[in-house]
């Protein structure tokens, strides 16, 4: 066989192999992206379920506390709980400072 003919066949085979490899890589990337998306969806669903369980347990606990004393205002108890949880979240970051002052004192504190 002529050398030019053999070279042409080899180049054609190499091009076909590159094309097959490119298609494989595209498919592989799509499979990986889909797997990552599915994983993120499952994780988000787990986080949502966890938050719902915590919210229901908190509601039940607040109702139980309010039920023990008829003088307890459930709305006020809920506001106090959320306020304390917010303060705890702020304190957990370790990057915030806050000052608690009596309600009858109005202060403007520069933050800069």
C-alpha atoms as a PDB file:
ATOM      1  CA  UNK A   1       0.000   0.000   0.000  1.00  0.00           C
ATOM      2  CA  UNK A   2       1.193   3.489  -0.697  1.00  0.00           C
ATOM      3  CA  UNK A   3       2.543   5.445   2.275  1.00  0.00           C
ATOM      4  CA  UNK A   4       0.106   8.330   1.691  1.00  0.00           C
ATOM      5  CA  UNK A   5      -2.823   5.917   1.804  1.00  0.00           C
ATOM      6  CA  UNK A   6      -1.651   4.355   5.087  1.00  0.00           C
ATOM      7  CA  UNK A   7      -1.074   7.814   6.605  1.00  0.00           C
ATOM      8  CA  UNK A   8      -4.567   8.907   5.581  1.00  0.00           C
ATOM      9  CA  UNK A   9      -6.121   5.817   7.174  1.00  0.00           C
ATOM     10  CA  UNK A  10      -4.121   6.327  10.382  1.00  0.00           C
ATOM     11  CA  UNK A  11      -5.118  10.002  10.547  1.00  0.00           C
ATOM     12  CA  UNK A  12      -8.767   9.092   9.993  1.00  0.00           C
ATOM     13  CA  UNK A  13      -8.622   6.450  12.752  1.00  0.00           C
ATOM     14  CA  UNK A  14      -6.915   8.910  15.108  1.00  0.00           C
ATOM     15  CA  UNK A  15      -9.582  11.535  14.388  1.00  0.00           C
ATOM     16  CA  UNK A  16     -12.354   8.989  15.021  1.00  0.00           C
ATOM     17  CA  UNK A  17     -10.726   7.952  18.302  1.00  0.00           C
ATOM     18  CA  UNK A  18     -10.468  11.592  19.383  1.00  0.00           C
ATOM     19  CA  UNK A  19     -14.116  12.110  18.488  1.00  0.00           C
ATOM     20  CA  UNK A  20     -15.141   9.047  20.506  1.00  0.00           C
ATOM     21  CA  UNK A  21     -12.978  10.208  23.434  1.00  0.00           C
ATOM     22  CA  UNK A  22     -14.533  13.692  23.302  1.00  0.00           C
ATOM     23  CA  UNK A  23     -18.052  12.234  23.275  1.00  0.00           C
ATOM     24  CA  UNK A  24     -17.154   9.980  26.215  1.00  0.00           C
ATOM     25  CA  UNK A  25     -15.803  12.961  28.171  1.00  0.00           C
ATOM     26  CA  UNK A  26     -18.953  14.998  27.442  1.00  0.00           C
ATOM     27  CA  UNK A  27     -21.140  12.125  28.635  1.00  0.00           C
ATOM     28  CA  UNK A  28     -18.953  11.613  31.707  1.00  0.00           C
ATOM     29  CA  UNK A  29     -19.186  15.310  32.618  1.00  0.00           C
ATOM     30  CA  UNK A  30     -22.974  15.236  32.226  1.00  0.00           C
ATOM     31  CA  UNK A  31     -23.239  12.161  34.447  1.00  0.00           C
ATOM     32  CA  UNK A  32     -21.031  13.789  37.115  1.00  0.00           C
ATOM     33  CA  UNK A  33     -23.005  17.064  36.946  1.00  0.00           C
ATOM     34  CA  UNK A  34     -26.282  15.160  37.255  1.00  0.00           C
ATOM     35  CA  UNK A  35     -24.962  13.162  40.211  1.00  0.00           C
ATOM     36  CA  UNK A  36     -23.824  16.382  41.927  1.00  0.00           C
ATOM     37  CA  UNK A  37     -27.215  17.982  41.304  1.00  0.00           C
ATOM     38  CA  UNK A  38     -29.053  14.952  42.684  1.00  0.00           C
ATOM     39  CA  UNK A  39     -26.793  14.940  45.728  1.00  0.00           C
ATOM     40  CA  UNK A  40     -27.455  18.639  46.352  1.00  0.00           C
ATOM     41  CA  UNK A  41     -31.213  18.069  46.000  1.00  0.00           C
ATOM     42  CA  UNK A  42     -31.126  15.197  48.496  1.00  0.00           C
ATOM     43  CA  UNK A  43     -29.028  17.230  50.924  1.00  0.00           C
ATOM     44  CA  UNK A  44     -31.409  20.189  50.659  1.00  0.00           C
ATOM     45  CA  UNK A  45     -34.348  17.859  51.280  1.00  0.00           C
ATOM     46  CA  UNK A  46     -32.626  16.484  54.365  1.00  0.00           C
ATOM     47  CA  UNK A  47     -31.917  19.980  55.668  1.00  0.00           C
ATOM     48  CA  UNK A  48     -35.549  20.975  55.050  1.00  0.00           C
ATOM     49  CA  UNK A  49     -36.822  17.887  56.889  1.00  0.00           C
ATOM     50  CA  UNK A  50     -34.443  18.556  59.762  1.00  0.00           C
ATOM     51  CA  UNK A  51     -35.626  22.152  60.080  1.00  0.00           C
ATOM     52  CA  UNK A  52     -39.244  21.056  59.964  1.00  0.00           C
ATOM     53  CA  UNK A  53     -38.662  18.507  62.726  1.00  0.00           C
ATOM     54  CA  UNK A  54     -36.915  21.144  64.869  1.00  0.00           C
ATOM     55  CA  UNK A  55     -39.692  23.685  64.211  1.00  0.00           C
ATOM     56  CA  UNK A  56     -42.412  21.179  65.160  1.00  0.00           C
ATOM     57  CA  UNK A  57     -40.542  20.134  68.297  1.00  0.00           C
ATOM     58  CA  UNK A  58     -40.032  23.782  69.270  1.00  0.00           C
ATOM     59  CA  UNK A  59     -43.722  24.533  68.716  1.00  0.00           C
ATOM     60  CA  UNK A  60     -44.710  21.537  70.836  1.00  0.00           C
ATOM     61  CA  UNK A  61     -42.305  22.601  73.592  1.00  0.00           C
ATOM     62  CA  UNK A  62     -43.619  26.174  73.615  1.00  0.00           C
ATOM     63  CA  UNK A  63     -47.207  24.921  73.701  1.00  0.00           C
ATOM     64  CA  UNK A  64     -46.329  22.608  76.595  1.00  0.00           C
ATOM     65  CA  UNK A  65     -44.692  25.450  78.523  1.00  0.00           C
ATOM     66  CA  UNK A  66     -47.623  27.784  77.869  1.00  0.00           C
ATOM     67  CA  UNK A  67     -50.054  25.046  78.878  1.00  0.00           C
ATOM     68  CA  UNK A  68     -48.522  24.694  82.339  1.00  0.00           C
ATOM     69  CA  UNK A  69     -49.407  28.264  83.336  1.00  0.00           C
ATOM     70  CA  UNK A  70     -52.581  29.959  82.119  1.00  0.00           C
ATOM     71  CA  UNK A  71     -50.934  33.358  82.683  1.00  0.00           C
ATOM     72  CA  UNK A  72     -48.249  32.716  80.044  1.00  0.00           C
ATOM     73  CA  UNK A  73     -48.864  34.528  76.767  1.00  0.00           C
ATOM     74  CA  UNK A  74     -47.900  32.137  73.969  1.00  0.00           C
ATOM     75  CA  UNK A  75     -47.106  34.969  71.550  1.00  0.00           C
ATOM     76  CA  UNK A  76     -44.825  36.673  74.068  1.00  0.00           C
ATOM     77  CA  UNK A  77     -43.170  33.350  74.904  1.00  0.00           C
ATOM     78  CA  UNK A  78     -42.571  32.717  71.204  1.00  0.00           C
ATOM     79  CA  UNK A  79     -41.094  36.199  70.693  1.00  0.00           C
ATOM     80  CA  UNK A  80     -38.794  35.694  73.700  1.00  0.00           C
ATOM     81  CA  UNK A  81     -37.685  32.295  72.402  1.00  0.00           C
ATOM     82  CA  UNK A  82     -36.916  33.686  68.936  1.00  0.00           C
ATOM     83  CA  UNK A  83     -35.081  36.653  70.453  1.00  0.00           C
ATOM     84  CA  UNK A  84     -32.898  34.388  72.581  1.00  0.00           C
ATOM     85  CA  UNK A  85     -32.224  32.060  69.655  1.00  0.00           C
ATOM     86  CA  UNK A  86     -31.165  35.041  67.548  1.00  0.00           C
ATOM     87  CA  UNK A  87     -28.817  36.229  70.281  1.00  0.00           C
ATOM     88  CA  UNK A  88     -27.350  32.739  70.525  1.00  0.00           C
ATOM     89  CA  UNK A  89     -26.806  32.604  66.756  1.00  0.00           C
ATOM     90  CA  UNK A  90     -25.091  35.991  66.852  1.00  0.00           C
ATOM     91  CA  UNK A  91     -22.893  34.902  69.755  1.00  0.00           C
ATOM     92  CA  UNK A  92     -21.986  31.647  67.979  1.00  0.00           C
ATOM     93  CA  UNK A  93     -20.372  33.557  65.109  1.00  0.00           C
ATOM     94  CA  UNK A  94     -17.853  35.097  67.503  1.00  0.00           C
ATOM     95  CA  UNK A  95     -17.704  38.163  65.278  1.00  0.00           C
ATOM     96  CA  UNK A  96     -20.377  40.317  66.860  1.00  0.00           C
ATOM     97  CA  UNK A  97     -20.657  42.426  69.944  1.00  0.00           C
ATOM     98  CA  UNK A  98     -23.874  43.698  71.393  1.00  0.00           C
ATOM     99  CA  UNK A  99     -24.954  45.711  74.389  1.00  0.00           C
ATOM    100  CA  UNK A 100     -28.211  45.139  76.228  1.00  0.00           C
ATOM    101  CA  UNK A 101     -29.662  48.285  77.783  1.00  0.00           C
ATOM    102  CA  UNK A 102     -32.919  48.930  79.631  1.00  0.00           C
ATOM    103  CA  UNK A 103     -35.893  49.823  77.452  1.00  0.00           C
ATOM    104  CA  UNK A 104     -36.262  53.329  78.881  1.00  0.00           C
ATOM    105  CA  UNK A 105     -32.760  54.416  77.782  1.00  0.00           C
ATOM    106  CA  UNK A 106     -32.172  55.425  74.175  1.00  0.00           C
ATOM    107  CA  UNK A 107     -28.575  55.283  73.044  1.00  0.00           C
ATOM    108  CA  UNK A 108     -26.971  55.861  69.689  1.00  0.00           C
ATOM    109  CA  UNK A 109     -23.685  54.007  69.540  1.00  0.00           C
ATOM    110  CA  UNK A 110     -21.329  54.627  66.636  1.00  0.00           C
ATOM    111  CA  UNK A 111     -20.265  51.360  65.047  1.00  0.00           C
ATOM    112  CA  UNK A 112     -17.240  52.679  63.149  1.00  0.00           C
END
